[in-house]
Amino acid sequence: MRNVSRREFLGSSLVAGCLTAGPSRIEASPLGIPLGFQSYGIRDRIGNDFAGSLKAAKEIGYEAVELCSFKGYAKAGFGPLADMKTADIRKVLQDAGMKAPSCHFNFSEFDDQTIDQSIEWATGVGLKFMTLSMARRATTMDQWKQNFDLMNKYGEKVHKAGLIFGYHTHSDEWLKIDGVMVFDEMLRQVDKKHCVYQLDLGGTFANGLDAGKYMAAHPGRFFSLHLKDAKKQPEPAGESKAGAGRGAASSPAVLPVGQGDIDWKETFAGAKKGGITTYFVEMEVRPPTDPMEAMRQSAQYLRNLKT
C-alpha cells in the first residue's frame, strides 16, 4: 500500500517491524528528555495492536508517544480504536511504561460543535498538549490571518480547560507572501500565552531554514520537535530558500535520524535555548523501508549522539 502522508490524509500498511532488542531507556538522549515517537508513522500497526505496538517501541528505547486523535484520524488507520474509552487508553499506556504528553487533532476537532468533546477526551487520556496538526489551506496572508484568529480562539478555550494548545508546522508556514514569512506573522498575531509550537524538521529543512537558530531566536515559543532526517535536494532554478516564493521546496524523502544532512548538534543546541520540552521521532518512510526499523535506527543514533 502506498504510504499516505499527513497532508494527503487531512486534505481527503505498514508492515510489522523487524525489531532488534534495545535498552528500555535511552540514558544519553539529547537534552536529557525521554525520547518519544509520533504514532502516525506506525498507525496501521497501532490500530491493529495498540498495546503490542507500544511495548515494541519501548523495547527499542522509546519512553513517550505522541498520539493522534483516534476519532479524528479514524480513516488514517486508527479506526479500530475510535471508540476506546479513555480509562482503557491510560491503562494501555501505563502497562507499556509509556507517557503520552501530546496528541495531534485535526482542525474540525476544534470547531465549536466538537471542541468540548475533544477537550474531554484529552483530559481523560491525561494529555498536557492538544496540538493542531495542520492549518486550513491558505495562499494569501488574509487567509492565514483567518487561521491566526481561529488559533487564538482555540488556544484560549484549551487554556481555560487547563491544557496547552500547540500548533504543528509543515512547509507552508515558511513561505513568504509579499516579503513576509508566514510563520513570522503567526508568531506576531497568535497570542503567545495561548499557543506554543512544534517544529517539524522536515518542513524547516526542505525550505532551507536553520531550525536551531530560529528556535534560539524565539525562546519560549516552541515546546516540541518532530525528528526525521533527509538529504539536501538540488534547488530548483529561479527559487530561493526559506520560502521566498509560492514554490517552496517539497519535502525530500524521510530518512532515519542521523542518515541525512541535518546538523543534529546545532539543532539540539538551538532546541535547548528555545525551551523544547518534548521530541518525537516520526518515520513516515516510504516502502520498502520498515518504519519500526527506521525508529530503531533513529533511537540508536540519538542514544549515541553527544551534544
C-alpha atoms as a PDB file:
ATOM      1  CA  MET A   1       0.000   0.000   0.000  1.00  0.00           C
ATOM      2  CA  ARG A   2       1.251   3.482  -0.808  1.00  0.00           C
ATOM      3  CA  ASN A   3       2.301   5.442   2.269  1.00  0.00           C
ATOM      4  CA  VAL A   4      -0.268   8.226   2.821  1.00  0.00           C
ATOM      5  CA  SER A   5       1.208  11.486   4.037  1.00  0.00           C
ATOM      6  CA  ARG A   6      -0.364  13.612   6.774  1.00  0.00           C
ATOM      7  CA  ARG A   7      -1.149  16.317   4.213  1.00  0.00           C
ATOM      8  CA  GLU A   8      -2.892  13.839   1.906  1.00  0.00           C
ATOM      9  CA  PHE A   9      -4.990  12.390   4.727  1.00  0.00           C
ATOM     10  CA  LEU A  10      -6.108  15.719   6.168  1.00  0.00           C
ATOM     11  CA  GLY A  11      -6.924  17.070   2.703  1.00  0.00           C
ATOM     12  CA  SER A  12      -9.130  13.999   1.844  1.00  0.00           C
ATOM     13  CA  SER A  13       0.024  -0.509   5.678  1.00  0.00           C
ATOM     14  CA  LEU A  14       2.629  -0.599   7.178  1.00  0.00           C
ATOM     15  CA  VAL A  15       4.453  -3.930   7.601  1.00  0.00           C
ATOM     16  CA  ALA A  16       5.180  -5.350  11.019  1.00  0.00           C
ATOM     17  CA  GLY A  17       8.612  -4.307  12.205  1.00  0.00           C
ATOM     18  CA  CYS A  18      11.672  -6.440  12.361  1.00  0.00           C
ATOM     19  CA  LEU A  19      12.734  -5.465  15.841  1.00  0.00           C
ATOM     20  CA  THR A  20      16.176  -5.517  17.311  1.00  0.00           C
ATOM     21  CA  ALA A  21      16.151  -5.547  21.073  1.00  0.00           C
ATOM     22  CA  GLY A  22      17.471  -2.381  22.677  1.00  0.00           C
ATOM     23  CA  PRO A  23      17.663  -0.749  26.063  1.00  0.00           C
ATOM     24  CA  SER A  24      14.478   0.098  27.913  1.00  0.00           C
ATOM     25  CA  ARG A  25      15.769   3.643  28.447  1.00  0.00           C
ATOM     26  CA  ILE A  26      17.917   5.933  26.355  1.00  0.00           C
ATOM     27  CA  GLU A  27      20.281   7.231  29.000  1.00  0.00           C
ATOM     28  CA  ALA A  28      22.119   9.638  26.687  1.00  0.00           C
ATOM     29  CA  SER A  29      19.103  11.051  24.860  1.00  0.00           C
ATOM     30  CA  PRO A  30      19.651  14.656  23.709  1.00  0.00           C
ATOM     31  CA  LEU A  31      18.712  17.349  26.228  1.00  0.00           C
ATOM     32  CA  GLY A  32      18.001  14.662  28.822  1.00  0.00           C
ATOM     33  CA  ILE A  33      14.386  14.405  27.617  1.00  0.00           C
ATOM     34  CA  PRO A  34      12.721  10.980  27.317  1.00  0.00           C
ATOM     35  CA  LEU A  35      12.668  10.043  23.644  1.00  0.00           C
ATOM     36  CA  GLY A  36       9.239   9.792  22.056  1.00  0.00           C
ATOM     37  CA  PHE A  37       7.775   8.741  18.728  1.00  0.00           C
ATOM     38  CA  GLN A  38       4.834  10.009  16.696  1.00  0.00           C
ATOM     39  CA  SER A  39       2.188   7.331  16.313  1.00  0.00           C
ATOM     40  CA  TYR A  40       1.217   8.340  12.768  1.00  0.00           C
ATOM     41  CA  GLY A  41       4.253   6.612  11.278  1.00  0.00           C
ATOM     42  CA  ILE A  42       3.019   3.216  12.506  1.00  0.00           C
ATOM     43  CA  ARG A  43      -0.700   3.993  12.505  1.00  0.00           C
ATOM     44  CA  ASP A  44      -1.917   0.743  10.945  1.00  0.00           C
ATOM     45  CA  ARG A  45       0.151  -1.339  13.314  1.00  0.00           C
ATOM     46  CA  ILE A  46      -1.152   0.643  16.305  1.00  0.00           C
ATOM     47  CA  GLY A  47      -4.727   0.402  15.047  1.00  0.00           C
ATOM     48  CA  ASN A  48      -4.432  -3.368  14.944  1.00  0.00           C
ATOM     49  CA  ASP A  49      -2.399  -3.838  18.139  1.00  0.00           C
ATOM     50  CA  PHE A  50      -2.179  -0.751  20.325  1.00  0.00           C
ATOM     51  CA  ALA A  51      -0.662  -2.421  23.376  1.00  0.00           C
ATOM     52  CA  GLY A  52       1.770  -4.575  21.408  1.00  0.00           C
ATOM     53  CA  SER A  53       2.992  -1.635  19.334  1.00  0.00           C
ATOM     54  CA  LEU A  54       3.751   0.451  22.429  1.00  0.00           C
ATOM     55  CA  LYS A  55       5.606  -2.407  24.059  1.00  0.00           C
ATOM     56  CA  ALA A  56       7.636  -2.956  20.880  1.00  0.00           C
ATOM     57  CA  ALA A  57       8.545   0.736  20.806  1.00  0.00           C
ATOM     58  CA  LYS A  58       9.531   0.569  24.471  1.00  0.00           C
ATOM     59  CA  GLU A  59      11.884  -2.327  23.733  1.00  0.00           C
ATOM     60  CA  ILE A  60      13.845  -0.275  21.212  1.00  0.00           C
ATOM     61  CA  GLY A  61      14.268   2.695  23.532  1.00  0.00           C
ATOM     62  CA  TYR A  62      11.159   4.897  23.398  1.00  0.00           C
ATOM     63  CA  GLU A  63       9.530   6.197  26.546  1.00  0.00           C
ATOM     64  CA  ALA A  64       6.845   8.508  25.174  1.00  0.00           C
ATOM     65  CA  VAL A  65       4.334   8.538  22.361  1.00  0.00           C
ATOM     66  CA  GLU A  66       2.570  11.400  20.664  1.00  0.00           C
ATOM     67  CA  LEU A  67      -0.890  10.134  19.833  1.00  0.00           C
ATOM     68  CA  CYS A  68      -3.214  11.094  17.031  1.00  0.00           C
ATOM     69  CA  SER A  69      -6.858  11.554  17.965  1.00  0.00           C
ATOM     70  CA  PHE A  70      -8.377   8.137  17.397  1.00  0.00           C
ATOM     71  CA  LYS A  71     -11.691   9.537  16.140  1.00  0.00           C
ATOM     72  CA  GLY A  72     -10.192  12.375  14.155  1.00  0.00           C
ATOM     73  CA  TYR A  73      -7.768  10.041  12.433  1.00  0.00           C
ATOM     74  CA  ALA A  74     -10.080   7.045  12.172  1.00  0.00           C
ATOM     75  CA  LYS A  75      -9.789   6.877   8.373  1.00  0.00           C
ATOM     76  CA  ALA A  76      -5.997   7.068   8.555  1.00  0.00           C
ATOM     77  CA  GLY A  77      -5.592   3.765  10.418  1.00  0.00           C
ATOM     78  CA  PHE A  78      -6.779   4.472  13.974  1.00  0.00           C
ATOM     79  CA  GLY A  79     -10.387   3.470  13.280  1.00  0.00           C
ATOM     80  CA  PRO A  80     -10.308   0.262  15.371  1.00  0.00           C
ATOM     81  CA  LEU A  81      -9.501   2.429  18.423  1.00  0.00           C
ATOM     82  CA  ALA A  82     -12.046   5.200  17.789  1.00  0.00           C
ATOM     83  CA  ASP A  83     -14.480   4.035  20.475  1.00  0.00           C
ATOM     84  CA  MET A  84     -11.862   3.070  23.048  1.00  0.00           C
ATOM     85  CA  LYS A  85     -12.587   4.516  26.495  1.00  0.00           C
ATOM     86  CA  THR A  86     -10.059   6.988  27.836  1.00  0.00           C
ATOM     87  CA  ALA A  87      -9.556   4.938  31.003  1.00  0.00           C
ATOM     88  CA  ASP A  88      -8.598   1.959  28.833  1.00  0.00           C
ATOM     89  CA  ILE A  89      -6.191   4.100  26.811  1.00  0.00           C
ATOM     90  CA  ARG A  90      -4.487   5.233  30.005  1.00  0.00           C
ATOM     91  CA  LYS A  91      -4.260   1.630  31.175  1.00  0.00           C
ATOM     92  CA  VAL A  92      -2.543   0.537  27.952  1.00  0.00           C
ATOM     93  CA  LEU A  93      -0.077   3.420  28.242  1.00  0.00           C
ATOM     94  CA  GLN A  94       0.644   2.638  31.872  1.00  0.00           C
ATOM     95  CA  ASP A  95       1.139  -1.078  31.223  1.00  0.00           C
ATOM     96  CA  ALA A  96       3.600  -0.273  28.425  1.00  0.00           C
ATOM     97  CA  GLY A  97       5.508   2.200  30.616  1.00  0.00           C
ATOM     98  CA  MET A  98       4.810   4.872  28.030  1.00  0.00           C
ATOM     99  CA  LYS A  99       3.977   8.550  28.594  1.00  0.00           C
ATOM    100  CA  ALA A 100       1.654  10.451  26.260  1.00  0.00           C
ATOM    101  CA  PRO A 101       2.141  14.191  26.800  1.00  0.00           C
ATOM    102  CA  SER A 102       0.782  15.307  23.442  1.00  0.00           C
ATOM    103  CA  CYS A 103      -1.739  14.387  20.768  1.00  0.00           C
ATOM    104  CA  HIS A 104      -2.492  15.655  17.276  1.00  0.00           C
ATOM    105  CA  PHE A 105      -6.019  16.802  16.473  1.00  0.00           C
ATOM    106  CA  ASN A 106      -7.296  17.961  13.102  1.00  0.00           C
ATOM    107  CA  PHE A 107      -8.950  21.330  12.522  1.00  0.00           C
ATOM    108  CA  SER A 108     -12.521  20.051  12.694  1.00  0.00           C
ATOM    109  CA  GLU A 109     -11.947  18.740  16.222  1.00  0.00           C
ATOM    110  CA  PHE A 110     -11.550  22.333  17.452  1.00  0.00           C
ATOM    111  CA  ASP A 111     -14.802  23.578  15.907  1.00  0.00           C
ATOM    112  CA  ASP A 112     -17.490  24.921  18.230  1.00  0.00           C
ATOM    113  CA  GLN A 113     -19.512  21.716  17.865  1.00  0.00           C
ATOM    114  CA  THR A 114     -16.644  19.376  18.741  1.00  0.00           C
ATOM    115  CA  ILE A 115     -14.067  21.164  20.895  1.00  0.00           C
ATOM    116  CA  ASP A 116     -15.714  20.270  24.215  1.00  0.00           C
ATOM    117  CA  GLN A 117     -15.643  16.572  23.333  1.00  0.00           C
ATOM    118  CA  SER A 118     -12.021  16.872  22.187  1.00  0.00           C
ATOM    119  CA  ILE A 119     -11.031  18.533  25.463  1.00  0.00           C
ATOM    120  CA  GLU A 120     -12.908  15.894  27.454  1.00  0.00           C
ATOM    121  CA  TRP A 121     -11.059  13.140  25.584  1.00  0.00           C
ATOM    122  CA  ALA A 122      -7.695  14.861  26.031  1.00  0.00           C
ATOM    123  CA  THR A 123      -8.301  15.299  29.746  1.00  0.00           C
ATOM    124  CA  GLY A 124      -9.410  11.700  30.106  1.00  0.00           C
ATOM    125  CA  VAL A 125      -6.271  10.399  28.402  1.00  0.00           C
ATOM    126  CA  GLY A 126      -4.110  12.636  30.595  1.00  0.00           C
ATOM    127  CA  LEU A 127      -2.610  14.827  27.890  1.00  0.00           C
ATOM    128  CA  LYS A 128      -0.747  18.064  28.529  1.00  0.00           C
ATOM    129  CA  PHE A 129      -0.744  19.396  24.952  1.00  0.00           C
ATOM    130  CA  MET A 130      -3.554  19.457  22.389  1.00  0.00           C
ATOM    131  CA  THR A 131      -1.755  20.042  19.108  1.00  0.00           C
ATOM    132  CA  LEU A 132      -3.426  21.288  15.939  1.00  0.00           C
ATOM    133  CA  SER A 133      -1.825  19.154  13.275  1.00  0.00           C
ATOM    134  CA  MET A 134      -2.365  21.478  10.324  1.00  0.00           C
ATOM    135  CA  ALA A 135      -3.908  24.822   9.443  1.00  0.00           C
ATOM    136  CA  ARG A 136      -6.597  25.200   6.850  1.00  0.00           C
ATOM    137  CA  ARG A 137      -5.157  25.720   3.395  1.00  0.00           C
ATOM    138  CA  ALA A 138      -4.159  29.334   2.864  1.00  0.00           C
ATOM    139  CA  THR A 139      -2.489  31.008  -0.097  1.00  0.00           C
ATOM    140  CA  THR A 140      -2.854  34.658   0.906  1.00  0.00           C
ATOM    141  CA  MET A 141      -1.936  36.468   4.110  1.00  0.00           C
ATOM    142  CA  ASP A 142      -5.588  37.346   4.656  1.00  0.00           C
ATOM    143  CA  GLN A 143      -6.420  33.639   4.609  1.00  0.00           C
ATOM    144  CA  TRP A 144      -3.592  32.975   7.033  1.00  0.00           C
ATOM    145  CA  LYS A 145      -4.908  35.721   9.327  1.00  0.00           C
ATOM    146  CA  GLN A 146      -8.208  33.875   9.446  1.00  0.00           C
ATOM    147  CA  ASN A 147      -6.254  30.851  10.662  1.00  0.00           C
ATOM    148  CA  PHE A 148      -4.483  33.003  13.254  1.00  0.00           C
ATOM    149  CA  ASP A 149      -7.825  34.258  14.594  1.00  0.00           C
ATOM    150  CA  LEU A 150      -9.077  30.695  14.937  1.00  0.00           C
ATOM    151  CA  MET A 151      -5.858  29.624  16.660  1.00  0.00           C
ATOM    152  CA  ASN A 152      -6.322  32.424  19.192  1.00  0.00           C
ATOM    153  CA  LYS A 153      -9.878  31.259  19.789  1.00  0.00           C
ATOM    154  CA  TYR A 154      -8.912  27.607  20.164  1.00  0.00           C
ATOM    155  CA  GLY A 155      -5.920  28.402  22.339  1.00  0.00           C
ATOM    156  CA  GLU A 156      -7.979  30.422  24.784  1.00  0.00           C
ATOM    157  CA  LYS A 157     -10.559  27.632  25.070  1.00  0.00           C
ATOM    158  CA  VAL A 158      -7.933  24.946  25.617  1.00  0.00           C
ATOM    159  CA  HIS A 159      -6.094  27.140  28.123  1.00  0.00           C
ATOM    160  CA  LYS A 160      -9.265  27.634  30.164  1.00  0.00           C
ATOM    161  CA  ALA A 161      -9.616  23.840  30.324  1.00  0.00           C
ATOM    162  CA  GLY A 162      -6.182  23.555  31.942  1.00  0.00           C
ATOM    163  CA  LEU A 163      -4.389  22.223  28.855  1.00  0.00           C
ATOM    164  CA  ILE A 164      -1.900  23.761  26.417  1.00  0.00           C
ATOM    165  CA  PHE A 165      -2.712  24.460  22.779  1.00  0.00           C
ATOM    166  CA  GLY A 166       0.058  23.636  20.325  1.00  0.00           C
ATOM    167  CA  TYR A 167       0.480  24.060  16.587  1.00  0.00           C
ATOM    168  CA  HIS A 168       2.450  21.719  14.334  1.00  0.00           C
ATOM    169  CA  THR A 169       4.309  23.244  11.401  1.00  0.00           C
ATOM    170  CA  HIS A 170       4.644  21.748   7.925  1.00  0.00           C
ATOM    171  CA  SER A 171       6.118  23.614   4.938  1.00  0.00           C
ATOM    172  CA  ASP A 172       3.644  26.357   4.060  1.00  0.00           C
ATOM    173  CA  GLU A 173       4.439  28.319   7.207  1.00  0.00           C
ATOM    174  CA  TRP A 174       7.941  29.049   5.890  1.00  0.00           C
ATOM    175  CA  LEU A 175       6.737  30.629   2.650  1.00  0.00           C
ATOM    176  CA  LYS A 176       6.939  34.371   2.115  1.00  0.00           C
ATOM    177  CA  ILE A 177       3.903  36.342   0.989  1.00  0.00           C
ATOM    178  CA  ASP A 178       4.629  39.894  -0.116  1.00  0.00           C
ATOM    179  CA  GLY A 179       8.035  39.624   1.518  1.00  0.00           C
ATOM    180  CA  VAL A 180       6.735  38.427   4.902  1.00  0.00           C
ATOM    181  CA  MET A 181       7.297  34.884   6.118  1.00  0.00           C
ATOM    182  CA  VAL A 182       4.029  33.335   7.237  1.00  0.00           C
ATOM    183  CA  PHE A 183       5.446  31.905  10.454  1.00  0.00           C
ATOM    184  CA  ASP A 184       6.949  35.245  11.475  1.00  0.00           C
ATOM    185  CA  GLU A 185       3.473  36.740  11.146  1.00  0.00           C
ATOM    186  CA  MET A 186       1.982  33.812  13.047  1.00  0.00           C
ATOM    187  CA  LEU A 187       4.299  34.494  15.965  1.00  0.00           C
ATOM    188  CA  ARG A 188       3.199  38.128  15.951  1.00  0.00           C
ATOM    189  CA  GLN A 189      -0.541  37.589  15.671  1.00  0.00           C
ATOM    190  CA  VAL A 190      -1.198  34.438  17.720  1.00  0.00           C
ATOM    191  CA  ASP A 191      -1.192  35.150  21.458  1.00  0.00           C
ATOM    192  CA  LYS A 192       1.893  33.539  22.963  1.00  0.00           C
ATOM    193  CA  LYS A 193       0.021  32.993  26.235  1.00  0.00           C
ATOM    194  CA  HIS A 194      -2.279  30.538  24.498  1.00  0.00           C
ATOM    195  CA  CYS A 195      -0.184  28.827  21.811  1.00  0.00           C
ATOM    196  CA  VAL A 196       3.186  27.096  21.559  1.00  0.00           C
ATOM    197  CA  TYR A 197       4.728  25.431  18.522  1.00  0.00           C
ATOM    198  CA  GLN A 198       6.009  22.077  17.379  1.00  0.00           C
ATOM    199  CA  LEU A 199       8.623  22.267  14.632  1.00  0.00           C
ATOM    200  CA  ASP A 200       8.596  19.531  12.028  1.00  0.00           C
ATOM    201  CA  LEU A 201      12.216  19.388  10.921  1.00  0.00           C
ATOM    202  CA  GLY A 202      11.244  18.021   7.521  1.00  0.00           C
ATOM    203  CA  GLY A 203       9.489  21.284   6.675  1.00  0.00           C
ATOM    204  CA  THR A 204      12.225  23.550   8.009  1.00  0.00           C
ATOM    205  CA  PHE A 205      14.972  21.571   6.272  1.00  0.00           C
ATOM    206  CA  ALA A 206      13.156  21.452   2.926  1.00  0.00           C
ATOM    207  CA  ASN A 207      12.777  25.242   2.995  1.00  0.00           C
ATOM    208  CA  GLY A 208      16.392  25.959   3.893  1.00  0.00           C
ATOM    209  CA  LEU A 209      15.614  27.239   7.384  1.00  0.00           C
ATOM    210  CA  ASP A 210      18.144  26.822  10.195  1.00  0.00           C
ATOM    211  CA  ALA A 211      15.788  25.380  12.819  1.00  0.00           C
ATOM    212  CA  GLY A 212      18.345  25.609  15.617  1.00  0.00           C
ATOM    213  CA  LYS A 213      18.979  29.320  15.093  1.00  0.00           C
ATOM    214  CA  TYR A 214      15.271  30.043  14.696  1.00  0.00           C
ATOM    215  CA  MET A 215      14.385  28.329  17.983  1.00  0.00           C
ATOM    216  CA  ALA A 216      17.216  30.079  19.779  1.00  0.00           C
ATOM    217  CA  ALA A 217      15.989  33.432  18.446  1.00  0.00           C
ATOM    218  CA  HIS A 218      12.465  32.815  19.787  1.00  0.00           C
ATOM    219  CA  PRO A 219      12.880  31.276  23.244  1.00  0.00           C
ATOM    220  CA  GLY A 220       9.725  30.075  24.908  1.00  0.00           C
ATOM    221  CA  ARG A 221       7.666  29.869  21.707  1.00  0.00           C
ATOM    222  CA  PHE A 222       8.383  26.195  20.988  1.00  0.00           C
ATOM    223  CA  PHE A 223       7.618  23.104  23.006  1.00  0.00           C
ATOM    224  CA  SER A 224       8.386  20.189  20.715  1.00  0.00           C
ATOM    225  CA  LEU A 225      10.176  18.786  17.676  1.00  0.00           C
ATOM    226  CA  HIS A 226       9.358  16.130  15.113  1.00  0.00           C
ATOM    227  CA  LEU A 227      12.607  14.339  14.387  1.00  0.00           C
ATOM    228  CA  LYS A 228      13.334  12.989  10.921  1.00  0.00           C
ATOM    229  CA  ASP A 229      16.271  13.277   8.561  1.00  0.00           C
ATOM    230  CA  ALA A 230      16.657  13.994   4.841  1.00  0.00           C
ATOM    231  CA  LYS A 231      19.218  14.615   2.148  1.00  0.00           C
ATOM    232  CA  LYS A 232      19.676  18.039   0.621  1.00  0.00           C
ATOM    233  CA  GLN A 233      17.862  18.432  -2.663  1.00  0.00           C
ATOM    234  CA  PRO A 234      19.048  20.442  -5.674  1.00  0.00           C
ATOM    235  CA  GLU A 235      17.452  23.889  -5.537  1.00  0.00           C
ATOM    236  CA  PRO A 236      15.090  24.461  -8.486  1.00  0.00           C
ATOM    237  CA  ALA A 237      16.178  27.185 -10.857  1.00  0.00           C
ATOM    238  CA  GLY A 238      14.648  30.550 -10.081  1.00  0.00           C
ATOM    239  CA  GLU A 239      13.717  29.704  -6.497  1.00  0.00           C
ATOM    240  CA  SER A 240      15.447  30.709  -3.308  1.00  0.00           C
ATOM    241  CA  LYS A 241      15.448  29.114   0.109  1.00  0.00           C
ATOM    242  CA  ALA A 242      13.426  29.980   3.199  1.00  0.00           C
ATOM    243  CA  GLY A 243      10.165  30.137   1.304  1.00  0.00           C
ATOM    244  CA  ALA A 244      10.972  33.078  -0.961  1.00  0.00           C
ATOM    245  CA  GLY A 245       8.073  32.247  -3.270  1.00  0.00           C
ATOM    246  CA  ARG A 246       4.954  30.163  -3.617  1.00  0.00           C
ATOM    247  CA  GLY A 247       7.003  27.256  -4.937  1.00  0.00           C
ATOM    248  CA  ALA A 248       8.755  26.292  -1.735  1.00  0.00           C
ATOM    249  CA  ALA A 249      10.730  23.089  -1.817  1.00  0.00           C
ATOM    250  CA  SER A 250       8.745  19.897  -1.420  1.00  0.00           C
ATOM    251  CA  SER A 251       9.861  17.757   1.481  1.00  0.00           C
ATOM    252  CA  PRO A 252      12.504  15.180   0.497  1.00  0.00           C
ATOM    253  CA  ALA A 253      12.173  11.527   1.404  1.00  0.00           C
ATOM    254  CA  VAL A 254      12.215  10.870   5.141  1.00  0.00           C
ATOM    255  CA  LEU A 255      15.293   9.071   6.474  1.00  0.00           C
ATOM    256  CA  PRO A 256      16.122   7.699   9.929  1.00  0.00           C
ATOM    257  CA  VAL A 257      17.692  10.309  12.202  1.00  0.00           C
ATOM    258  CA  GLY A 258      21.424  10.531  11.536  1.00  0.00           C
ATOM    259  CA  GLN A 259      21.286   9.266   7.945  1.00  0.00           C
ATOM    260  CA  GLY A 260      20.711  12.605   6.218  1.00  0.00           C
ATOM    261  CA  ASP A 261      22.167  16.088   6.156  1.00  0.00           C
ATOM    262  CA  ILE A 262      20.530  17.745   9.176  1.00  0.00           C
ATOM    263  CA  ASP A 263      23.105  19.075  11.640  1.00  0.00           C
ATOM    264  CA  TRP A 264      21.741  17.482  14.793  1.00  0.00           C
ATOM    265  CA  LYS A 265      24.220  19.001  17.234  1.00  0.00           C
ATOM    266  CA  GLU A 266      23.355  22.514  16.076  1.00  0.00           C
ATOM    267  CA  THR A 267      19.657  21.693  16.025  1.00  0.00           C
ATOM    268  CA  PHE A 268      19.665  20.444  19.603  1.00  0.00           C
ATOM    269  CA  ALA A 269      21.790  23.369  20.738  1.00  0.00           C
ATOM    270  CA  GLY A 270      19.096  25.686  19.419  1.00  0.00           C
ATOM    271  CA  ALA A 271      16.362  23.482  20.887  1.00  0.00           C
ATOM    272  CA  LYS A 272      17.923  23.824  24.326  1.00  0.00           C
ATOM    273  CA  LYS A 273      17.984  27.627  24.038  1.00  0.00           C
ATOM    274  CA  GLY A 274      14.467  27.647  22.623  1.00  0.00           C
ATOM    275  CA  GLY A 275      12.980  25.686  25.522  1.00  0.00           C
ATOM    276  CA  ILE A 276      11.993  22.422  23.834  1.00  0.00           C
ATOM    277  CA  THR A 277      10.403  20.009  26.333  1.00  0.00           C
ATOM    278  CA  THR A 278       9.447  17.054  24.106  1.00  0.00           C
ATOM    279  CA  TYR A 279      10.589  15.485  20.857  1.00  0.00           C
ATOM    280  CA  PHE A 280       9.128  12.710  18.772  1.00  0.00           C
ATOM    281  CA  VAL A 281      10.726  10.613  16.047  1.00  0.00           C
ATOM    282  CA  GLU A 282       8.293  10.462  13.128  1.00  0.00           C
ATOM    283  CA  MET A 283       9.124   7.897  10.478  1.00  0.00           C
ATOM    284  CA  GLU A 284       6.725   8.390   7.582  1.00  0.00           C
ATOM    285  CA  VAL A 285       9.157   6.389   5.487  1.00  0.00           C
ATOM    286  CA  ARG A 286       8.422   5.017   2.059  1.00  0.00           C
ATOM    287  CA  PRO A 287       8.156   1.295   1.278  1.00  0.00           C
ATOM    288  CA  PRO A 288      10.047  -0.972   1.325  1.00  0.00           C
ATOM    289  CA  THR A 289      11.605   0.721   4.377  1.00  0.00           C
ATOM    290  CA  ASP A 290      10.083  -0.599   7.594  1.00  0.00           C
ATOM    291  CA  PRO A 291       9.054   2.267   9.922  1.00  0.00           C
ATOM    292  CA  MET A 292       9.787   0.284  13.080  1.00  0.00           C
ATOM    293  CA  GLU A 293      13.291  -0.456  11.862  1.00  0.00           C
ATOM    294  CA  ALA A 294      13.719   3.229  10.979  1.00  0.00           C
ATOM    295  CA  MET A 295      12.588   4.094  14.504  1.00  0.00           C
ATOM    296  CA  ARG A 296      15.146   1.672  15.936  1.00  0.00           C
ATOM    297  CA  GLN A 297      17.965   3.172  13.871  1.00  0.00           C
ATOM    298  CA  SER A 298      16.910   6.679  14.894  1.00  0.00           C
ATOM    299  CA  ALA A 299      16.879   5.746  18.576  1.00  0.00           C
ATOM    300  CA  GLN A 300      20.323   4.175  18.303  1.00  0.00           C
ATOM    301  CA  TYR A 301      21.763   7.307  16.697  1.00  0.00           C
ATOM    302  CA  LEU A 302      20.203   9.614  19.280  1.00  0.00           C
ATOM    303  CA  ARG A 303      21.395   7.379  22.109  1.00  0.00           C
ATOM    304  CA  ASN A 304      24.984   7.811  20.940  1.00  0.00           C
ATOM    305  CA  LEU A 305      24.788  11.496  19.972  1.00  0.00           C
ATOM    306  CA  LYS A 306      26.981  13.756  22.091  1.00  0.00           C
ATOM    307  CA  THR A 307      25.544  17.269  22.337  1.00  0.00           C
END
